[in-house]
Amino acid sequence: MEQPKQTFGPVQMLTVAFDGSQFKGEILPELERLKDAGICRIIDMLVVRKGASGSVATLTASDLEWEEATRFGAYIGTLIGFGAGGPEGADRGAIAGAAEFADGHLFDEDDIAGLTQIVPEGMSIAIVLLEHVWALPLLGAIERAEGFELSNDWVAPDRLVALGMRGGVES
C-alpha cells in the first residue's frame, strides 16, 4: 500500500486550564495572528467553563471547511485503520474517519461530558488540535527527496526535568 500523501502538517493537541474565565483577551487574537501568518490553524477546539455555581458553558471552533474536515478525517482514519488492520483496515478507517469529521469536529458530546465532570467549579479547560502549517514545505522537501519521517516528538519541559531526575544529562 502506498503511504498517503502528506497534505496536512503535524498536529499538536494542547490542553490548558484557567482559573475562572481568565483568558485576558490575548489567546484568541494570538491564534488569529498565527493563522494569518500561515503558521498554524485550528483543526478543532473545545472550551468548557464551569461557573462557581456549577453552570457549564462550552465553545467549539474549527478553521477547516467541510471538505477539508472530511479529508482530514479520512487521512487520520486511513493511518489508524492501517495500523489496526493493514490495507483493508486503511480503507475502512478512511470511511470512518471522514464520517467522524463530517460535522467539522473531532471533539464530541462525550468529550464535553468528560471535561464537565473533571473541571472544578470556577475553572475553564481548553483542548485545541493545532495543525502546524509551517512544516508543510519542509515535509514536502523530505518527500521529494524520497525520505520519510521516522519520529516526530515534542520535547516538553516535564520530559527534560524527568531526564535530569534520572541522571540522563551530564553536567
Protein backbone atom coordinates (compact mmCIF):
# COMPACT_ATOMS: atom_id res chain seq x y z
CA MET A 1 0.00 0.00 0.00
CA GLU A 2 1.27 3.43 -0.91
CA GLN A 3 1.69 5.81 2.01
CA PRO A 4 -0.91 8.62 1.91
CA LYS A 5 0.43 11.91 0.53
CA GLN A 6 1.22 14.43 3.26
CA THR A 7 -1.47 17.07 2.88
CA PHE A 8 -1.67 18.20 6.49
CA GLY A 9 1.03 19.49 8.78
CA PRO A 10 1.94 17.93 12.11
CA VAL A 11 -0.88 18.07 14.63
CA GLN A 12 -0.43 19.01 18.27
CA MET A 13 -3.04 18.54 20.99
CA LEU A 14 -2.70 21.32 23.53
CA THR A 15 -4.71 21.24 26.75
CA VAL A 16 -4.73 24.24 29.07
CA ALA A 17 -6.65 25.23 32.20
CA PHE A 18 -7.62 28.66 33.52
CA ASP A 19 -8.94 29.98 36.79
CA GLY A 20 -12.44 31.25 36.06
CA SER A 21 -12.58 32.62 32.55
CA GLN A 22 -9.26 34.46 32.77
CA PHE A 23 -8.49 34.33 29.06
CA LYS A 24 -7.50 38.02 29.34
CA GLY A 25 -8.43 38.61 25.70
CA GLU A 26 -4.98 37.59 24.45
CA ILE A 27 -5.27 33.95 23.37
CA LEU A 28 -7.77 34.19 20.51
CA PRO A 29 -6.03 37.24 18.96
CA GLU A 30 -2.70 35.38 19.16
CA LEU A 31 -4.24 32.33 17.48
CA GLU A 32 -5.61 34.64 14.76
CA ARG A 33 -2.16 36.19 14.28
CA LEU A 34 -0.56 32.74 13.94
CA LYS A 35 -3.26 31.65 11.48
CA ASP A 36 -2.90 34.84 9.41
CA ALA A 37 0.88 34.30 9.27
CA GLY A 38 0.36 30.74 7.94
CA ILE A 39 1.99 29.20 10.98
CA CYS A 40 -0.90 27.13 12.31
CA ARG A 41 -4.62 26.59 12.11
CA ILE A 42 -7.21 25.15 14.43
CA ILE A 43 -8.41 21.71 13.44
CA ASP A 44 -10.72 21.55 16.42
CA MET A 45 -11.09 23.38 19.70
CA LEU A 46 -13.28 22.72 22.71
CA VAL A 47 -13.54 25.04 25.69
CA VAL A 48 -15.54 24.05 28.77
CA ARG A 49 -16.09 26.61 31.51
CA LYS A 50 -17.75 25.72 34.80
CA GLY A 51 -19.03 28.65 36.81
CA ALA A 52 -18.81 28.96 40.58
CA SER A 53 -22.43 27.77 40.78
CA GLY A 54 -21.72 24.71 38.61
CA SER A 55 -23.27 26.10 35.41
CA VAL A 56 -21.43 24.96 32.27
CA ALA A 57 -20.70 26.88 29.07
CA THR A 58 -18.98 25.37 26.04
CA LEU A 59 -17.36 26.78 22.92
CA THR A 60 -16.19 24.90 19.84
CA ALA A 61 -14.30 26.16 16.81
CA SER A 62 -12.51 24.88 13.71
CA ASP A 63 -10.74 26.53 10.78
CA LEU A 64 -11.49 23.61 8.45
CA GLU A 65 -14.18 23.84 5.79
CA TRP A 66 -16.42 20.76 5.41
CA GLU A 67 -14.35 19.29 2.56
CA GLU A 68 -11.07 19.82 4.44
CA ALA A 69 -12.55 18.33 7.60
CA THR A 70 -13.71 15.15 5.87
CA ARG A 71 -10.37 14.90 4.01
CA PHE A 72 -8.51 15.28 7.32
CA GLY A 73 -10.77 12.67 8.93
CA ALA A 74 -10.14 10.27 6.04
CA TYR A 75 -6.38 10.85 6.27
CA ILE A 76 -6.26 10.18 10.01
CA GLY A 77 -8.69 7.25 9.66
CA THR A 78 -6.51 5.71 6.95
CA LEU A 79 -3.45 5.79 9.19
CA ILE A 80 -5.28 4.41 12.23
CA GLY A 81 -7.09 1.81 10.13
CA PHE A 82 -3.86 0.67 8.51
CA GLY A 83 -2.28 0.23 11.93
CA ALA A 84 -5.27 -1.76 13.14
CA GLY A 85 -5.95 -3.92 10.10
CA GLY A 86 -3.47 -3.42 7.25
CA PRO A 87 -4.65 -2.31 3.79
CA GLU A 88 -8.25 -3.42 4.36
CA GLY A 89 -8.30 -1.61 7.67
CA ALA A 90 -6.97 1.52 5.96
CA ASP A 91 -9.94 1.62 3.60
CA ARG A 92 -12.43 1.11 6.45
CA GLY A 93 -10.57 3.67 8.56
CA ALA A 94 -10.74 6.29 5.80
CA ILE A 95 -14.51 5.95 5.59
CA ALA A 96 -14.95 6.01 9.38
CA GLY A 97 -12.57 8.97 9.75
CA ALA A 98 -14.35 11.02 7.10
CA ALA A 99 -17.70 10.31 8.78
CA GLU A 100 -16.30 11.23 12.22
CA PHE A 101 -15.19 14.64 10.94
CA ALA A 102 -18.27 15.29 8.77
CA ASP A 103 -19.56 17.84 11.28
CA GLY A 104 -16.17 19.58 11.31
CA HIS A 105 -15.27 18.48 14.85
CA LEU A 106 -13.38 15.62 16.43
CA PHE A 107 -14.41 16.58 19.95
CA ASP A 108 -17.96 15.44 20.64
CA GLU A 109 -20.62 15.28 23.36
CA ASP A 110 -18.68 12.57 25.19
CA ASP A 111 -15.64 14.87 25.38
CA ILE A 112 -17.82 17.71 26.65
CA ALA A 113 -19.33 15.42 29.30
CA GLY A 114 -15.91 14.14 30.33
CA LEU A 115 -14.44 17.62 30.69
CA THR A 116 -17.53 18.84 32.52
CA GLN A 117 -17.01 16.10 35.11
CA ILE A 118 -13.34 16.90 35.73
CA VAL A 119 -13.23 20.70 35.52
CA PRO A 120 -13.59 22.19 39.01
CA GLU A 121 -16.19 24.88 39.63
CA GLY A 122 -14.81 28.29 38.76
CA MET A 123 -12.36 26.96 36.13
CA SER A 124 -12.10 26.55 32.36
CA ILE A 125 -10.35 23.90 30.27
CA ALA A 126 -9.50 24.22 26.59
CA ILE A 127 -8.38 21.43 24.26
CA VAL A 128 -7.03 22.55 20.89
CA LEU A 129 -5.88 20.44 17.94
CA LEU A 130 -3.40 22.69 16.14
CA GLU A 131 -2.08 21.93 12.69
CA HIS A 132 1.45 23.25 12.22
CA VAL A 133 1.10 24.53 8.64
CA TRP A 134 4.64 25.96 8.67
CA ALA A 135 6.04 22.41 8.46
CA LEU A 136 4.35 21.50 5.15
CA PRO A 137 7.12 22.89 2.87
CA LEU A 138 9.76 21.02 4.89
CA LEU A 139 7.76 17.78 4.78
CA GLY A 140 7.28 18.26 1.03
CA ALA A 141 11.04 18.65 0.55
CA ILE A 142 11.63 15.46 2.54
CA GLU A 143 9.05 13.63 0.42
CA ARG A 144 10.60 14.88 -2.85
CA ALA A 145 13.97 13.60 -1.61
CA GLU A 146 12.24 10.23 -1.11
CA GLY A 147 12.73 10.46 2.62
CA PHE A 148 10.18 9.74 5.29
CA GLU A 149 9.57 10.72 8.86
CA LEU A 150 10.70 8.18 11.44
CA SER A 151 9.67 10.10 14.53
CA ASN A 152 8.12 13.42 15.46
CA ASP A 153 8.18 14.13 19.18
CA TRP A 154 7.70 17.37 21.04
CA VAL A 155 10.20 17.84 23.85
CA ALA A 156 8.18 19.27 26.71
CA PRO A 157 9.73 20.82 29.82
CA ASP A 158 8.48 17.96 32.04
CA ARG A 159 10.35 15.43 29.86
CA LEU A 160 13.59 17.39 30.34
CA VAL A 161 13.04 17.54 34.10
CA ALA A 162 12.41 13.77 34.15
CA LEU A 163 15.57 13.20 32.12
CA GLY A 164 17.56 15.20 34.67
CA MET A 165 15.98 13.30 37.57
CA ARG A 166 17.12 10.02 36.01
CA GLY A 167 20.64 11.41 35.70
CA GLY A 168 20.43 11.33 31.91
CA VAL A 169 22.28 14.60 31.35
CA GLU A 170 25.92 15.08 32.23
CA SER A 171 26.88 18.47 33.58
